[in-house]
Amino acid sequence: MTAIGHRILSVTTDPVAKTLTLVWDDGSSSLKQMAPLIGTRRVFKPLADVEIFCQARIINDGRAIAWDDDIDMCADALWFDAHPEQNPFTSHSSAAE
């Protein structure tokens, strides 16, 4: 499977740490730190509310996570955040540079 197209099997929220633990279709897991987004991006500010943050759910057959009709994150973006070396849309510097 290519990096694009992974599906999220489960999401667990930690409202204190403001993190998401994602389990992927390949069996791996990753941790997404949401505090920086909540603190800097207007669309994510409602997630500062613990009740709203804990409502994270998988949508579109694992292709995204959503909290409501206005807040969502696509699986590809979350995958590439956790696996930047697999992102075909950015350049990767080598250790020799």
PDB file of N, CA and C in Angstrom:
ATOM      1  N   MET A   1       0.851  -1.183   0.000  1.00  0.00           N
ATOM      2  CA  MET A   1       0.000   0.000   0.000  1.00  0.00           C
ATOM      3  C   MET A   1       0.888   1.235   0.000  1.00  0.00           C
ATOM      4  N   THR A   2       0.522   2.230  -0.775  1.00  0.00           N
ATOM      5  CA  THR A   2       1.246   3.487  -0.771  1.00  0.00           C
ATOM      6  C   THR A   2       0.888   4.268   0.485  1.00  0.00           C
ATOM      7  N   ALA A   3       1.656   5.312   0.763  1.00  0.00           N
ATOM      8  CA  ALA A   3       1.384   6.135   1.945  1.00  0.00           C
ATOM      9  C   ALA A   3       0.005   6.775   1.846  1.00  0.00           C
ATOM     10  N   ILE A   4      -0.381   7.169   0.640  1.00  0.00           N
ATOM     11  CA  ILE A   4      -1.701   7.761   0.467  1.00  0.00           C
ATOM     12  C   ILE A   4      -2.724   6.637   0.477  1.00  0.00           C
ATOM     13  N   GLY A   5      -3.736   6.796   1.284  1.00  0.00           N
ATOM     14  CA  GLY A   5      -4.795   5.808   1.297  1.00  0.00           C
ATOM     15  C   GLY A   5      -4.917   5.008   2.573  1.00  0.00           C
ATOM     16  N   HIS A   6      -4.068   5.250   3.557  1.00  0.00           N
ATOM     17  CA  HIS A   6      -4.219   4.548   4.829  1.00  0.00           C
ATOM     18  C   HIS A   6      -5.532   4.953   5.482  1.00  0.00           C
ATOM     19  N   ARG A   7      -6.096   4.032   6.227  1.00  0.00           N
ATOM     20  CA  ARG A   7      -7.353   4.278   6.929  1.00  0.00           C
ATOM     21  C   ARG A   7      -7.122   4.215   8.433  1.00  0.00           C
ATOM     22  N   ILE A   8      -7.873   5.021   9.141  1.00  0.00           N
ATOM     23  CA  ILE A   8      -7.826   5.047  10.594  1.00  0.00           C
ATOM     24  C   ILE A   8      -8.826   4.015  11.106  1.00  0.00           C
ATOM     25  N   LEU A   9      -8.359   3.112  11.958  1.00  0.00           N
ATOM     26  CA  LEU A   9      -9.235   2.094  12.531  1.00  0.00           C
ATOM     27  C   LEU A   9      -9.846   2.539  13.852  1.00  0.00           C
ATOM     28  N   SER A  10      -9.067   3.306  14.637  1.00  0.00           N
ATOM     29  CA  SER A  10      -9.606   3.801  15.908  1.00  0.00           C
ATOM     30  C   SER A  10      -8.923   5.095  16.294  1.00  0.00           C
ATOM     31  N   VAL A  11      -9.633   5.879  17.085  1.00  0.00           N
ATOM     32  CA  VAL A  11      -9.095   7.121  17.634  1.00  0.00           C
ATOM     33  C   VAL A  11      -9.450   7.164  19.115  1.00  0.00           C
ATOM     34  N   THR A  12      -8.453   7.492  19.921  1.00  0.00           N
ATOM     35  CA  THR A  12      -8.640   7.650  21.356  1.00  0.00           C
ATOM     36  C   THR A  12      -8.175   9.043  21.726  1.00  0.00           C
ATOM     37  N   THR A  13      -8.988   9.750  22.486  1.00  0.00           N
ATOM     38  CA  THR A  13      -8.643  11.109  22.881  1.00  0.00           C
ATOM     39  C   THR A  13      -8.077  11.131  24.292  1.00  0.00           C
ATOM     40  N   ASP A  14      -7.144  12.030  24.527  1.00  0.00           N
ATOM     41  CA  ASP A  14      -6.663  12.340  25.871  1.00  0.00           C
ATOM     42  C   ASP A  14      -6.920  13.827  26.051  1.00  0.00           C
ATOM     43  N   PRO A  15      -8.037  14.193  26.719  1.00  0.00           N
ATOM     44  CA  PRO A  15      -8.407  15.596  26.827  1.00  0.00           C
ATOM     45  C   PRO A  15      -7.461  16.426  27.695  1.00  0.00           C
ATOM     46  N   VAL A  16      -6.747  15.787  28.603  1.00  0.00           N
ATOM     47  CA  VAL A  16      -5.799  16.522  29.444  1.00  0.00           C
ATOM     48  C   VAL A  16      -4.567  16.907  28.629  1.00  0.00           C
ATOM     49  N   ALA A  17      -3.994  15.925  27.924  1.00  0.00           N
ATOM     50  CA  ALA A  17      -2.798  16.178  27.106  1.00  0.00           C
ATOM     51  C   ALA A  17      -3.140  16.786  25.750  1.00  0.00           C
ATOM     52  N   LYS A  18      -4.439  16.770  25.397  1.00  0.00           N
ATOM     53  CA  LYS A  18      -4.900  17.240  24.086  1.00  0.00           C
ATOM     54  C   LYS A  18      -4.199  16.485  22.964  1.00  0.00           C
ATOM     55  N   THR A  19      -4.261  15.150  23.063  1.00  0.00           N
ATOM     56  CA  THR A  19      -3.674  14.298  22.036  1.00  0.00           C
ATOM     57  C   THR A  19      -4.715  13.317  21.504  1.00  0.00           C
ATOM     58  N   LEU A  20      -4.436  12.835  20.310  1.00  0.00           N
ATOM     59  CA  LEU A  20      -5.210  11.764  19.692  1.00  0.00           C
ATOM     60  C   LEU A  20      -4.269  10.595  19.478  1.00  0.00           C
ATOM     61  N   THR A  21      -4.692   9.402  19.858  1.00  0.00           N
ATOM     62  CA  THR A  21      -3.955   8.198  19.522  1.00  0.00           C
ATOM     63  C   THR A  21      -4.723   7.529  18.394  1.00  0.00           C
ATOM     64  N   LEU A  22      -4.037   7.345  17.277  1.00  0.00           N
ATOM     65  CA  LEU A  22      -4.652   6.777  16.084  1.00  0.00           C
ATOM     66  C   LEU A  22      -4.088   5.384  15.837  1.00  0.00           C
ATOM     67  N   VAL A  23      -4.954   4.442  15.536  1.00  0.00           N
ATOM     68  CA  VAL A  23      -4.532   3.107  15.108  1.00  0.00           C
ATOM     69  C   VAL A  23      -4.884   3.008  13.633  1.00  0.00           C
ATOM     70  N   TRP A  24      -3.892   2.581  12.854  1.00  0.00           N
ATOM     71  CA  TRP A  24      -3.991   2.563  11.400  1.00  0.00           C
ATOM     72  C   TRP A  24      -4.264   1.163  10.878  1.00  0.00           C
ATOM     73  N   ASP A  25      -4.675   1.102   9.619  1.00  0.00           N
ATOM     74  CA  ASP A  25      -5.020  -0.170   8.982  1.00  0.00           C
ATOM     75  C   ASP A  25      -3.833  -1.112   8.798  1.00  0.00           C
ATOM     76  N   ASP A  26      -2.617  -0.623   8.955  1.00  0.00           N
ATOM     77  CA  ASP A  26      -1.448  -1.509   8.866  1.00  0.00           C
ATOM     78  C   ASP A  26      -1.029  -2.020  10.237  1.00  0.00           C
ATOM     79  N   GLY A  27      -1.803  -1.672  11.276  1.00  0.00           N
ATOM     80  CA  GLY A  27      -1.512  -2.116  12.635  1.00  0.00           C
ATOM     81  C   GLY A  27      -0.662  -1.160  13.440  1.00  0.00           C
ATOM     82  N   SER A  28      -0.120  -0.139  12.801  1.00  0.00           N
ATOM     83  CA  SER A  28       0.699   0.828  13.517  1.00  0.00           C
ATOM     84  C   SER A  28      -0.192   1.832  14.253  1.00  0.00           C
ATOM     85  N   SER A  29       0.425   2.588  15.138  1.00  0.00           N
ATOM     86  CA  SER A  29      -0.304   3.650  15.834  1.00  0.00           C
ATOM     87  C   SER A  29       0.553   4.907  15.831  1.00  0.00           C
ATOM     88  N   SER A  30      -0.101   6.034  16.012  1.00  0.00           N
ATOM     89  CA  SER A  30       0.608   7.305  16.076  1.00  0.00           C
ATOM     90  C   SER A  30      -0.106   8.225  17.055  1.00  0.00           C
ATOM     91  N   LEU A  31       0.629   9.201  17.537  1.00  0.00           N
ATOM     92  CA  LEU A  31       0.100  10.169  18.476  1.00  0.00           C
ATOM     93  C   LEU A  31       0.083  11.536  17.814  1.00  0.00           C
ATOM     94  N   LYS A  32      -1.050  12.197  17.820  1.00  0.00           N
ATOM     95  CA  LYS A  32      -1.185  13.535  17.237  1.00  0.00           C
ATOM     96  C   LYS A  32      -1.363  14.544  18.360  1.00  0.00           C
ATOM     97  N   GLN A  33      -0.429  15.475  18.460  1.00  0.00           N
ATOM     98  CA  GLN A  33      -0.514  16.558  19.437  1.00  0.00           C
ATOM     99  C   GLN A  33      -1.452  17.630  18.885  1.00  0.00           C
ATOM    100  N   MET A  34      -2.583  17.818  19.543  1.00  0.00           N
ATOM    101  CA  MET A  34      -3.563  18.787  19.057  1.00  0.00           C
ATOM    102  C   MET A  34      -3.414  20.165  19.699  1.00  0.00           C
ATOM    103  N   ALA A  35      -2.738  20.262  20.834  1.00  0.00           N
ATOM    104  CA  ALA A  35      -2.618  21.546  21.545  1.00  0.00           C
ATOM    105  C   ALA A  35      -2.082  22.671  20.652  1.00  0.00           C
ATOM    106  N   PRO A  36      -1.035  22.433  19.842  1.00  0.00           N
ATOM    107  CA  PRO A  36      -0.560  23.522  18.985  1.00  0.00           C
ATOM    108  C   PRO A  36      -1.625  24.018  17.999  1.00  0.00           C
ATOM    109  N   LEU A  37      -2.422  23.114  17.461  1.00  0.00           N
ATOM    110  CA  LEU A  37      -3.480  23.523  16.534  1.00  0.00           C
ATOM    111  C   LEU A  37      -4.602  24.261  17.266  1.00  0.00           C
ATOM    112  N   ILE A  38      -4.959  23.762  18.440  1.00  0.00           N
ATOM    113  CA  ILE A  38      -6.023  24.396  19.225  1.00  0.00           C
ATOM    114  C   ILE A  38      -5.609  25.813  19.603  1.00  0.00           C
ATOM    115  N   GLY A  39      -4.320  25.989  19.895  1.00  0.00           N
ATOM    116  CA  GLY A  39      -3.828  27.297  20.315  1.00  0.00           C
ATOM    117  C   GLY A  39      -3.582  28.287  19.200  1.00  0.00           C
ATOM    118  N   THR A  40      -3.465  27.807  17.956  1.00  0.00           N
ATOM    119  CA  THR A  40      -3.086  28.725  16.870  1.00  0.00           C
ATOM    120  C   THR A  40      -4.048  28.775  15.693  1.00  0.00           C
ATOM    121  N   ARG A  41      -4.899  27.787  15.551  1.00  0.00           N
ATOM    122  CA  ARG A  41      -5.807  27.746  14.396  1.00  0.00           C
ATOM    123  C   ARG A  41      -7.246  27.951  14.845  1.00  0.00           C
ATOM    124  N   ARG A  42      -7.869  28.984  14.328  1.00  0.00           N
ATOM    125  CA  ARG A  42      -9.234  29.349  14.736  1.00  0.00           C
ATOM    126  C   ARG A  42     -10.216  28.188  14.604  1.00  0.00           C
ATOM    127  N   VAL A  43     -10.124  27.425  13.546  1.00  0.00           N
ATOM    128  CA  VAL A  43     -11.079  26.337  13.328  1.00  0.00           C
ATOM    129  C   VAL A  43     -11.003  25.288  14.436  1.00  0.00           C
ATOM    130  N   PHE A  44      -9.825  25.114  15.054  1.00  0.00           N
ATOM    131  CA  PHE A  44      -9.660  24.108  16.093  1.00  0.00           C
ATOM    132  C   PHE A  44      -9.904  24.624  17.506  1.00  0.00           C
ATOM    133  N   LYS A  45     -10.100  25.916  17.695  1.00  0.00           N
ATOM    134  CA  LYS A  45     -10.297  26.489  19.037  1.00  0.00           C
ATOM    135  C   LYS A  45     -11.430  25.830  19.827  1.00  0.00           C
ATOM    136  N   PRO A  46     -12.556  25.436  19.213  1.00  0.00           N
ATOM    137  CA  PRO A  46     -13.610  24.779  19.991  1.00  0.00           C
ATOM    138  C   PRO A  46     -13.147  23.490  20.674  1.00  0.00           C
ATOM    139  N   LEU A  47     -12.066  22.886  20.193  1.00  0.00           N
ATOM    140  CA  LEU A  47     -11.579  21.650  20.787  1.00  0.00           C
ATOM    141  C   LEU A  47     -10.925  21.868  22.150  1.00  0.00           C
ATOM    142  N   ALA A  48     -10.754  23.121  22.545  1.00  0.00           N
ATOM    143  CA  ALA A  48     -10.275  23.412  23.896  1.00  0.00           C
ATOM    144  C   ALA A  48     -11.304  22.969  24.941  1.00  0.00           C
ATOM    145  N   ASP A  49     -12.563  22.880  24.534  1.00  0.00           N
ATOM    146  CA  ASP A  49     -13.628  22.377  25.398  1.00  0.00           C
ATOM    147  C   ASP A  49     -13.506  20.852  25.467  1.00  0.00           C
ATOM    148  N   VAL A  50     -13.324  20.326  26.680  1.00  0.00           N
ATOM    149  CA  VAL A  50     -13.112  18.892  26.877  1.00  0.00           C
ATOM    150  C   VAL A  50     -14.249  18.065  26.290  1.00  0.00           C
ATOM    151  N   GLU A  51     -15.464  18.489  26.485  1.00  0.00           N
ATOM    152  CA  GLU A  51     -16.610  17.724  25.962  1.00  0.00           C
ATOM    153  C   GLU A  51     -16.556  17.604  24.448  1.00  0.00           C
ATOM    154  N   ILE A  52     -16.217  18.688  23.782  1.00  0.00           N
ATOM    155  CA  ILE A  52     -16.123  18.667  22.322  1.00  0.00           C
ATOM    156  C   ILE A  52     -14.923  17.831  21.887  1.00  0.00           C
ATOM    157  N   PHE A  53     -13.775  18.035  22.526  1.00  0.00           N
ATOM    158  CA  PHE A  53     -12.562  17.300  22.157  1.00  0.00           C
ATOM    159  C   PHE A  53     -12.795  15.794  22.207  1.00  0.00           C
ATOM    160  N   CYS A  54     -13.477  15.326  23.232  1.00  0.00           N
ATOM    161  CA  CYS A  54     -13.706  13.886  23.423  1.00  0.00           C
ATOM    162  C   CYS A  54     -14.707  13.297  22.435  1.00  0.00           C
ATOM    163  N   GLN A  55     -15.329  14.114  21.607  1.00  0.00           N
ATOM    164  CA  GLN A  55     -16.299  13.635  20.625  1.00  0.00           C
ATOM    165  C   GLN A  55     -15.665  13.221  19.299  1.00  0.00           C
ATOM    166  N   ALA A  56     -14.347  13.161  19.247  1.00  0.00           N
ATOM    167  CA  ALA A  56     -13.673  12.758  18.004  1.00  0.00           C
ATOM    168  C   ALA A  56     -14.202  11.410  17.550  1.00  0.00           C
ATOM    169  N   ARG A  57     -14.498  11.322  16.263  1.00  0.00           N
ATOM    170  CA  ARG A  57     -15.018  10.073  15.704  1.00  0.00           C
ATOM    171  C   ARG A  57     -14.466   9.892  14.292  1.00  0.00           C
ATOM    172  N   ILE A  58     -14.432   8.662  13.862  1.00  0.00           N
ATOM    173  CA  ILE A  58     -13.957   8.320  12.530  1.00  0.00           C
ATOM    174  C   ILE A  58     -15.118   8.469  11.555  1.00  0.00           C
ATOM    175  N   ILE A  59     -14.831   9.079  10.410  1.00  0.00           N
ATOM    176  CA  ILE A  59     -15.839   9.235   9.366  1.00  0.00           C
ATOM    177  C   ILE A  59     -15.269   8.756   8.031  1.00  0.00           C
ATOM    178  N   ASN A  60     -16.140   8.687   7.043  1.00  0.00           N
ATOM    179  CA  ASN A  60     -15.746   8.347   5.668  1.00  0.00           C
ATOM    180  C   ASN A  60     -14.919   7.065   5.596  1.00  0.00           C
ATOM    181  N   ASP A  61     -15.390   6.049   6.303  1.00  0.00           N
ATOM    182  CA  ASP A  61     -14.755   4.732   6.263  1.00  0.00           C
ATOM    183  C   ASP A  61     -13.273   4.791   6.630  1.00  0.00           C
ATOM    184  N   GLY A  62     -12.966   5.593   7.661  1.00  0.00           N
ATOM    185  CA  GLY A  62     -11.592   5.681   8.140  1.00  0.00           C
ATOM    186  C   GLY A  62     -10.726   6.686   7.432  1.00  0.00           C
ATOM    187  N   ARG A  63     -11.287   7.466   6.538  1.00  0.00           N
ATOM    188  CA  ARG A  63     -10.502   8.431   5.765  1.00  0.00           C
ATOM    189  C   ARG A  63     -10.407   9.801   6.423  1.00  0.00           C
ATOM    190  N   ALA A  64     -11.067   9.965   7.597  1.00  0.00           N
ATOM    191  CA  ALA A  64     -10.997  11.244   8.300  1.00  0.00           C
ATOM    192  C   ALA A  64     -11.471  11.061   9.736  1.00  0.00           C
ATOM    193  N   ILE A  65     -11.146  12.071  10.541  1.00  0.00           N
ATOM    194  CA  ILE A  65     -11.666  12.182  11.900  1.00  0.00           C
ATOM    195  C   ILE A  65     -12.446  13.487  11.947  1.00  0.00           C
ATOM    196  N   ALA A  66     -13.577  13.471  12.647  1.00  0.00           N
ATOM    197  CA  ALA A  66     -14.391  14.685  12.750  1.00  0.00           C
ATOM    198  C   ALA A  66     -14.891  14.841  14.176  1.00  0.00           C
ATOM    199  N   TRP A  67     -15.160  16.085  14.495  1.00  0.00           N
ATOM    200  CA  TRP A  67     -15.776  16.421  15.776  1.00  0.00           C
ATOM    201  C   TRP A  67     -17.191  16.923  15.560  1.00  0.00           C
ATOM    202  N   ASP A  68     -17.390  17.671  14.522  1.00  0.00           N
ATOM    203  CA  ASP A  68     -18.709  18.166  14.142  1.00  0.00           C
ATOM    204  C   ASP A  68     -18.667  18.483  12.650  1.00  0.00           C
ATOM    205  N   ASP A  69     -19.650  19.200  12.180  1.00  0.00           N
ATOM    206  CA  ASP A  69     -19.690  19.507  10.742  1.00  0.00           C
ATOM    207  C   ASP A  69     -18.630  20.506  10.303  1.00  0.00           C
ATOM    208  N   ASP A  70     -17.996  21.182  11.256  1.00  0.00           N
ATOM    209  CA  ASP A  70     -17.022  22.216  10.917  1.00  0.00           C
ATOM    210  C   ASP A  70     -15.568  21.818  11.166  1.00  0.00           C
ATOM    211  N   ILE A  71     -15.339  20.786  11.971  1.00  0.00           N
ATOM    212  CA  ILE A  71     -13.968  20.421  12.348  1.00  0.00           C
ATOM    213  C   ILE A  71     -13.696  18.983  11.934  1.00  0.00           C
ATOM    214  N   ASP A  72     -12.712  18.819  11.047  1.00  0.00           N
ATOM    215  CA  ASP A  72     -12.301  17.476  10.662  1.00  0.00           C
ATOM    216  C   ASP A  72     -10.842  17.500  10.216  1.00  0.00           C
ATOM    217  N   MET A  73     -10.249  16.318  10.135  1.00  0.00           N
ATOM    218  CA  MET A  73      -8.869  16.158   9.680  1.00  0.00           C
ATOM    219  C   MET A  73      -8.817  14.910   8.819  1.00  0.00           C
ATOM    220  N   CYS A  74      -8.202  15.021   7.653  1.00  0.00           N
ATOM    221  CA  CYS A  74      -8.156  13.867   6.758  1.00  0.00           C
ATOM    222  C   CYS A  74      -7.049  12.898   7.172  1.00  0.00           C
ATOM    223  N   ALA A  75      -7.275  11.639   6.882  1.00  0.00           N
ATOM    224  CA  ALA A  75      -6.336  10.579   7.243  1.00  0.00           C
ATOM    225  C   ALA A  75      -4.968  10.791   6.603  1.00  0.00           C
ATOM    226  N   ASP A  76      -4.932  11.237   5.357  1.00  0.00           N
ATOM    227  CA  ASP A  76      -3.638  11.434   4.696  1.00  0.00           C
ATOM    228  C   ASP A  76      -2.801  12.473   5.437  1.00  0.00           C
ATOM    229  N   ALA A  77      -3.402  13.574   5.819  1.00  0.00           N
ATOM    230  CA  ALA A  77      -2.657  14.615   6.539  1.00  0.00           C
ATOM    231  C   ALA A  77      -2.147  14.080   7.874  1.00  0.00           C
ATOM    232  N   LEU A  78      -2.976  13.328   8.569  1.00  0.00           N
ATOM    233  CA  LEU A  78      -2.562  12.750   9.852  1.00  0.00           C
ATOM    234  C   LEU A  78      -1.454  11.717   9.653  1.00  0.00           C
ATOM    235  N   TRP A  79      -1.563  10.900   8.599  1.00  0.00           N
ATOM    236  CA  TRP A  79      -0.525   9.908   8.307  1.00  0.00           C
ATOM    237  C   TRP A  79       0.806  10.592   8.003  1.00  0.00           C
ATOM    238  N   PHE A  80       0.788  11.604   7.129  1.00  0.00           N
ATOM    239  CA  PHE A  80       2.025  12.284   6.758  1.00  0.00           C
ATOM    240  C   PHE A  80       2.622  13.065   7.923  1.00  0.00           C
ATOM    241  N   ASP A  81       1.779  13.541   8.830  1.00  0.00           N
ATOM    242  CA  ASP A  81       2.289  14.208  10.027  1.00  0.00           C
ATOM    243  C   ASP A  81       3.083  13.208  10.864  1.00  0.00           C
ATOM    244  N   ALA A  82       2.585  11.980  10.959  1.00  0.00           N
ATOM    245  CA  ALA A  82       3.258  10.941  11.734  1.00  0.00           C
ATOM    246  C   ALA A  82       4.401  10.277  10.969  1.00  0.00           C
ATOM    247  N   HIS A  83       4.362  10.338   9.642  1.00  0.00           N
ATOM    248  CA  HIS A  83       5.354   9.674   8.777  1.00  0.00           C
ATOM    249  C   HIS A  83       5.848  10.656   7.707  1.00  0.00           C
ATOM    250  N   PRO A  84       6.515  11.734   8.093  1.00  0.00           N
ATOM    251  CA  PRO A  84       6.904  12.760   7.103  1.00  0.00           C
ATOM    252  C   PRO A  84       7.817  12.227   6.005  1.00  0.00           C
ATOM    253  N   GLU A  85       8.573  11.190   6.292  1.00  0.00           N
ATOM    254  CA  GLU A  85       9.479  10.628   5.285  1.00  0.00           C
ATOM    255  C   GLU A  85       8.719   9.970   4.141  1.00  0.00           C
ATOM    256  N   GLN A  86       7.440   9.679   4.326  1.00  0.00           N
ATOM    257  CA  GLN A  86       6.632   9.057   3.280  1.00  0.00           C
ATOM    258  C   GLN A  86       5.820  10.069   2.478  1.00  0.00           C
ATOM    259  N   ASN A  87       5.927  11.333   2.820  1.00  0.00           N
ATOM    260  CA  ASN A  87       5.130  12.355   2.155  1.00  0.00           C
ATOM    261  C   ASN A  87       5.718  12.678   0.777  1.00  0.00           C
ATOM    262  N   PRO A  88       5.005  12.321  -0.285  1.00  0.00           N
ATOM    263  CA  PRO A  88       5.532  12.577  -1.623  1.00  0.00           C
ATOM    264  C   PRO A  88       5.414  14.039  -2.045  1.00  0.00           C
ATOM    265  N   PHE A  89       4.773  14.853  -1.235  1.00  0.00           N
ATOM    266  CA  PHE A  89       4.523  16.246  -1.599  1.00  0.00           C
ATOM    267  C   PHE A  89       5.542  17.206  -0.993  1.00  0.00           C
ATOM    268  N   THR A  90       6.490  16.685  -0.218  1.00  0.00           N
ATOM    269  CA  THR A  90       7.529  17.529   0.358  1.00  0.00           C
ATOM    270  C   THR A  90       8.874  16.925   0.030  1.00  0.00           C
ATOM    271  N   SER A  91       9.885  17.773   0.030  1.00  0.00           N
ATOM    272  CA  SER A  91      11.229  17.259  -0.219  1.00  0.00           C
ATOM    273  C   SER A  91      11.821  16.802   1.103  1.00  0.00           C
ATOM    274  N   HIS A  92      12.674  15.814   1.031  1.00  0.00           N
ATOM    275  CA  HIS A  92      13.289  15.244   2.211  1.00  0.00           C
ATOM    276  C   HIS A  92      14.798  15.432   2.102  1.00  0.00           C
ATOM    277  N   SER A  93      15.372  16.063   3.100  1.00  0.00           N
ATOM    278  CA  SER A  93      16.821  16.238   3.074  1.00  0.00           C
ATOM    279  C   SER A  93      17.478  14.978   3.606  1.00  0.00           C
ATOM    280  N   SER A  94      18.643  14.690   3.088  1.00  0.00           N
ATOM    281  CA  SER A  94      19.373  13.506   3.550  1.00  0.00           C
ATOM    282  C   SER A  94      20.298  13.893   4.697  1.00  0.00           C
ATOM    283  N   ALA A  95      20.736  12.915   5.430  1.00  0.00           N
ATOM    284  CA  ALA A  95      21.624  13.170   6.560  1.00  0.00           C
ATOM    285  C   ALA A  95      22.949  13.761   6.097  1.00  0.00           C
ATOM    286  N   ALA A  96      23.339  13.521   4.840  1.00  0.00           N
ATOM    287  CA  ALA A  96      24.600  14.029   4.312  1.00  0.00           C
ATOM    288  C   ALA A  96      24.551  15.504   3.995  1.00  0.00           C
ATOM    289  N   GLU A  97      23.368  16.075   3.907  1.00  0.00           N
ATOM    290  CA  GLU A  97      23.272  17.495   3.536  1.00  0.00           C
ATOM    291  C   GLU A  97      23.622  18.385   4.694  1.00  0.00           C
TER     292      GLU A  97
END
